[in-house]
């Protein structure tokens, strides 16, 4: 079951991630006050491809910087290519210097 209001709240966070930065499913969930719903954030990212808004879903990765959602981008390398186009270095589907480019909505945004 899809929670449209939750998905919309996720999208409102994701559109604010600056180019060249990434965040995690869990960081978004914690920011929204639903810390145990990282998987639902992932579902929202998967559904974002059908949104009328332009959602930079490629900037959302797992908690270690791994491109776990890459199979939702139509081609196995599209997510990687989008991130690399923003200057992010990736080796074996792992973001290099993940801690340096991590964008934490709890620190960057005001509720």
C-alpha atoms as a PDB file:
ATOM      1  CA  UNK A   1       0.000   0.000   0.000  1.00  0.00           C
ATOM      2  CA  UNK A   2       1.412   3.381  -1.009  1.00  0.00           C
ATOM      3  CA  UNK A   3       1.152   6.314   1.391  1.00  0.00           C
ATOM      4  CA  UNK A   4       0.966   9.289  -0.980  1.00  0.00           C
ATOM      5  CA  UNK A   5       1.375  11.872   1.779  1.00  0.00           C
ATOM      6  CA  UNK A   6       4.498  10.129   3.085  1.00  0.00           C
ATOM      7  CA  UNK A   7       5.917   9.840  -0.417  1.00  0.00           C
ATOM      8  CA  UNK A   8       5.255  13.551  -0.980  1.00  0.00           C
ATOM      9  CA  UNK A   9       7.093  14.422   2.241  1.00  0.00           C
ATOM     10  CA  UNK A  10      10.036  12.286   1.089  1.00  0.00           C
ATOM     11  CA  UNK A  11      10.081  14.054  -2.287  1.00  0.00           C
ATOM     12  CA  UNK A  12      10.063  17.458  -0.588  1.00  0.00           C
ATOM     13  CA  UNK A  13      13.303  16.472   1.160  1.00  0.00           C
ATOM     14  CA  UNK A  14      14.948  14.819  -1.834  1.00  0.00           C
ATOM     15  CA  UNK A  15      14.471  17.803  -4.155  1.00  0.00           C
ATOM     16  CA  UNK A  16      16.575  19.838  -1.714  1.00  0.00           C
ATOM     17  CA  UNK A  17      19.658  17.602  -1.910  1.00  0.00           C
ATOM     18  CA  UNK A  18      22.277  19.725  -3.685  1.00  0.00           C
ATOM     19  CA  UNK A  19      24.005  18.398  -6.807  1.00  0.00           C
ATOM     20  CA  UNK A  20      27.225  16.634  -5.868  1.00  0.00           C
ATOM     21  CA  UNK A  21      25.851  15.487  -2.509  1.00  0.00           C
ATOM     22  CA  UNK A  22      23.987  12.357  -1.404  1.00  0.00           C
ATOM     23  CA  UNK A  23      21.914  11.213   1.531  1.00  0.00           C
ATOM     24  CA  UNK A  24      20.557   7.896   2.753  1.00  0.00           C
ATOM     25  CA  UNK A  25      17.127   6.349   2.990  1.00  0.00           C
ATOM     26  CA  UNK A  26      17.488   6.219   6.763  1.00  0.00           C
ATOM     27  CA  UNK A  27      18.574   9.856   7.092  1.00  0.00           C
ATOM     28  CA  UNK A  28      15.423  10.933   5.275  1.00  0.00           C
ATOM     29  CA  UNK A  29      13.266   8.671   7.434  1.00  0.00           C
ATOM     30  CA  UNK A  30      14.829  10.037  10.640  1.00  0.00           C
ATOM     31  CA  UNK A  31      14.373  13.623   9.448  1.00  0.00           C
ATOM     32  CA  UNK A  32      10.678  12.928   8.834  1.00  0.00           C
ATOM     33  CA  UNK A  33      10.331  11.463  12.331  1.00  0.00           C
ATOM     34  CA  UNK A  34       9.829   7.928  11.060  1.00  0.00           C
ATOM     35  CA  UNK A  35      13.237   6.441  11.757  1.00  0.00           C
ATOM     36  CA  UNK A  36      12.195   2.852  11.103  1.00  0.00           C
ATOM     37  CA  UNK A  37      10.788   3.551   7.648  1.00  0.00           C
ATOM     38  CA  UNK A  38      13.961   3.619   5.517  1.00  0.00           C
ATOM     39  CA  UNK A  39      12.495   0.867   3.357  1.00  0.00           C
ATOM     40  CA  UNK A  40       9.398   2.982   2.705  1.00  0.00           C
ATOM     41  CA  UNK A  41      11.691   5.852   1.643  1.00  0.00           C
ATOM     42  CA  UNK A  42      13.162   3.372  -0.837  1.00  0.00           C
ATOM     43  CA  UNK A  43       9.693   2.592  -2.140  1.00  0.00           C
ATOM     44  CA  UNK A  44       9.080   6.317  -2.540  1.00  0.00           C
ATOM     45  CA  UNK A  45      12.297   6.630  -4.545  1.00  0.00           C
ATOM     46  CA  UNK A  46      11.197   3.754  -6.776  1.00  0.00           C
ATOM     47  CA  UNK A  47       7.790   5.388  -7.305  1.00  0.00           C
ATOM     48  CA  UNK A  48       9.381   8.799  -7.953  1.00  0.00           C
ATOM     49  CA  UNK A  49       9.993   7.853 -11.575  1.00  0.00           C
ATOM     50  CA  UNK A  50       6.220   8.241 -12.069  1.00  0.00           C
ATOM     51  CA  UNK A  51       6.020  11.624 -10.343  1.00  0.00           C
ATOM     52  CA  UNK A  52       5.210  14.835 -12.171  1.00  0.00           C
ATOM     53  CA  UNK A  53       7.979  16.473 -10.122  1.00  0.00           C
ATOM     54  CA  UNK A  54      11.619  16.056 -11.070  1.00  0.00           C
ATOM     55  CA  UNK A  55      12.970  13.983  -8.177  1.00  0.00           C
ATOM     56  CA  UNK A  56      16.773  13.461  -8.013  1.00  0.00           C
ATOM     57  CA  UNK A  57      16.356   9.923  -6.676  1.00  0.00           C
ATOM     58  CA  UNK A  58      19.902   9.084  -7.759  1.00  0.00           C
ATOM     59  CA  UNK A  59      21.143  11.155  -4.795  1.00  0.00           C
ATOM     60  CA  UNK A  60      19.635   8.718  -2.267  1.00  0.00           C
ATOM     61  CA  UNK A  61      21.787   5.695  -1.413  1.00  0.00           C
ATOM     62  CA  UNK A  62      22.073   3.214   1.416  1.00  0.00           C
ATOM     63  CA  UNK A  63      23.647   4.074   4.780  1.00  0.00           C
ATOM     64  CA  UNK A  64      27.137   3.042   3.673  1.00  0.00           C
ATOM     65  CA  UNK A  65      27.110   4.862   0.329  1.00  0.00           C
ATOM     66  CA  UNK A  66      26.318   1.831  -1.780  1.00  0.00           C
ATOM     67  CA  UNK A  67      24.175   2.278  -4.920  1.00  0.00           C
ATOM     68  CA  UNK A  68      21.560  -0.255  -3.841  1.00  0.00           C
ATOM     69  CA  UNK A  69      18.759   1.379  -5.857  1.00  0.00           C
ATOM     70  CA  UNK A  70      20.587   1.334  -9.180  1.00  0.00           C
ATOM     71  CA  UNK A  71      18.372  -1.376 -10.689  1.00  0.00           C
ATOM     72  CA  UNK A  72      15.429   1.085 -10.621  1.00  0.00           C
ATOM     73  CA  UNK A  73      17.085   3.398 -13.146  1.00  0.00           C
ATOM     74  CA  UNK A  74      16.359   1.484 -16.335  1.00  0.00           C
ATOM     75  CA  UNK A  75      20.000   0.684 -16.966  1.00  0.00           C
ATOM     76  CA  UNK A  76      22.490  -0.759 -14.540  1.00  0.00           C
ATOM     77  CA  UNK A  77      24.836   2.236 -14.837  1.00  0.00           C
ATOM     78  CA  UNK A  78      22.402   5.168 -15.109  1.00  0.00           C
ATOM     79  CA  UNK A  79      22.428   5.976 -11.380  1.00  0.00           C
ATOM     80  CA  UNK A  80      26.217   5.838 -11.362  1.00  0.00           C
ATOM     81  CA  UNK A  81      26.430   8.030 -14.473  1.00  0.00           C
ATOM     82  CA  UNK A  82      24.095  10.651 -12.989  1.00  0.00           C
ATOM     83  CA  UNK A  83      26.178  10.836  -9.807  1.00  0.00           C
ATOM     84  CA  UNK A  84      29.462  10.925 -11.713  1.00  0.00           C
ATOM     85  CA  UNK A  85      28.081  13.759 -13.858  1.00  0.00           C
ATOM     86  CA  UNK A  86      27.746  15.686 -10.584  1.00  0.00           C
ATOM     87  CA  UNK A  87      31.386  15.035  -9.693  1.00  0.00           C
ATOM     88  CA  UNK A  88      30.870  12.093  -7.354  1.00  0.00           C
ATOM     89  CA  UNK A  89      33.461   9.334  -7.636  1.00  0.00           C
ATOM     90  CA  UNK A  90      32.190   5.748  -7.501  1.00  0.00           C
ATOM     91  CA  UNK A  91      34.146   2.497  -7.424  1.00  0.00           C
ATOM     92  CA  UNK A  92      32.320  -0.863  -7.540  1.00  0.00           C
ATOM     93  CA  UNK A  93      28.956   0.824  -6.841  1.00  0.00           C
ATOM     94  CA  UNK A  94      30.427   2.428  -3.692  1.00  0.00           C
ATOM     95  CA  UNK A  95      30.643   6.202  -3.295  1.00  0.00           C
ATOM     96  CA  UNK A  96      34.221   7.282  -2.589  1.00  0.00           C
ATOM     97  CA  UNK A  97      34.549   9.701   0.356  1.00  0.00           C
ATOM     98  CA  UNK A  98      30.925   9.087   1.290  1.00  0.00           C
ATOM     99  CA  UNK A  99      31.304  10.838   4.661  1.00  0.00           C
ATOM    100  CA  UNK A 100      32.560  14.010   2.967  1.00  0.00           C
ATOM    101  CA  UNK A 101      29.675  14.363   0.525  1.00  0.00           C
ATOM    102  CA  UNK A 102      26.921  13.032   2.815  1.00  0.00           C
ATOM    103  CA  UNK A 103      24.057  15.515   3.148  1.00  0.00           C
ATOM    104  CA  UNK A 104      22.122  15.105   6.398  1.00  0.00           C
ATOM    105  CA  UNK A 105      18.681  16.706   6.168  1.00  0.00           C
ATOM    106  CA  UNK A 106      18.522  16.919   9.974  1.00  0.00           C
ATOM    107  CA  UNK A 107      21.508  19.281   9.874  1.00  0.00           C
ATOM    108  CA  UNK A 108      20.758  21.055   6.601  1.00  0.00           C
ATOM    109  CA  UNK A 109      16.988  21.624   6.820  1.00  0.00           C
ATOM    110  CA  UNK A 110      14.682  23.117   9.376  1.00  0.00           C
ATOM    111  CA  UNK A 111      11.428  21.230   9.978  1.00  0.00           C
END
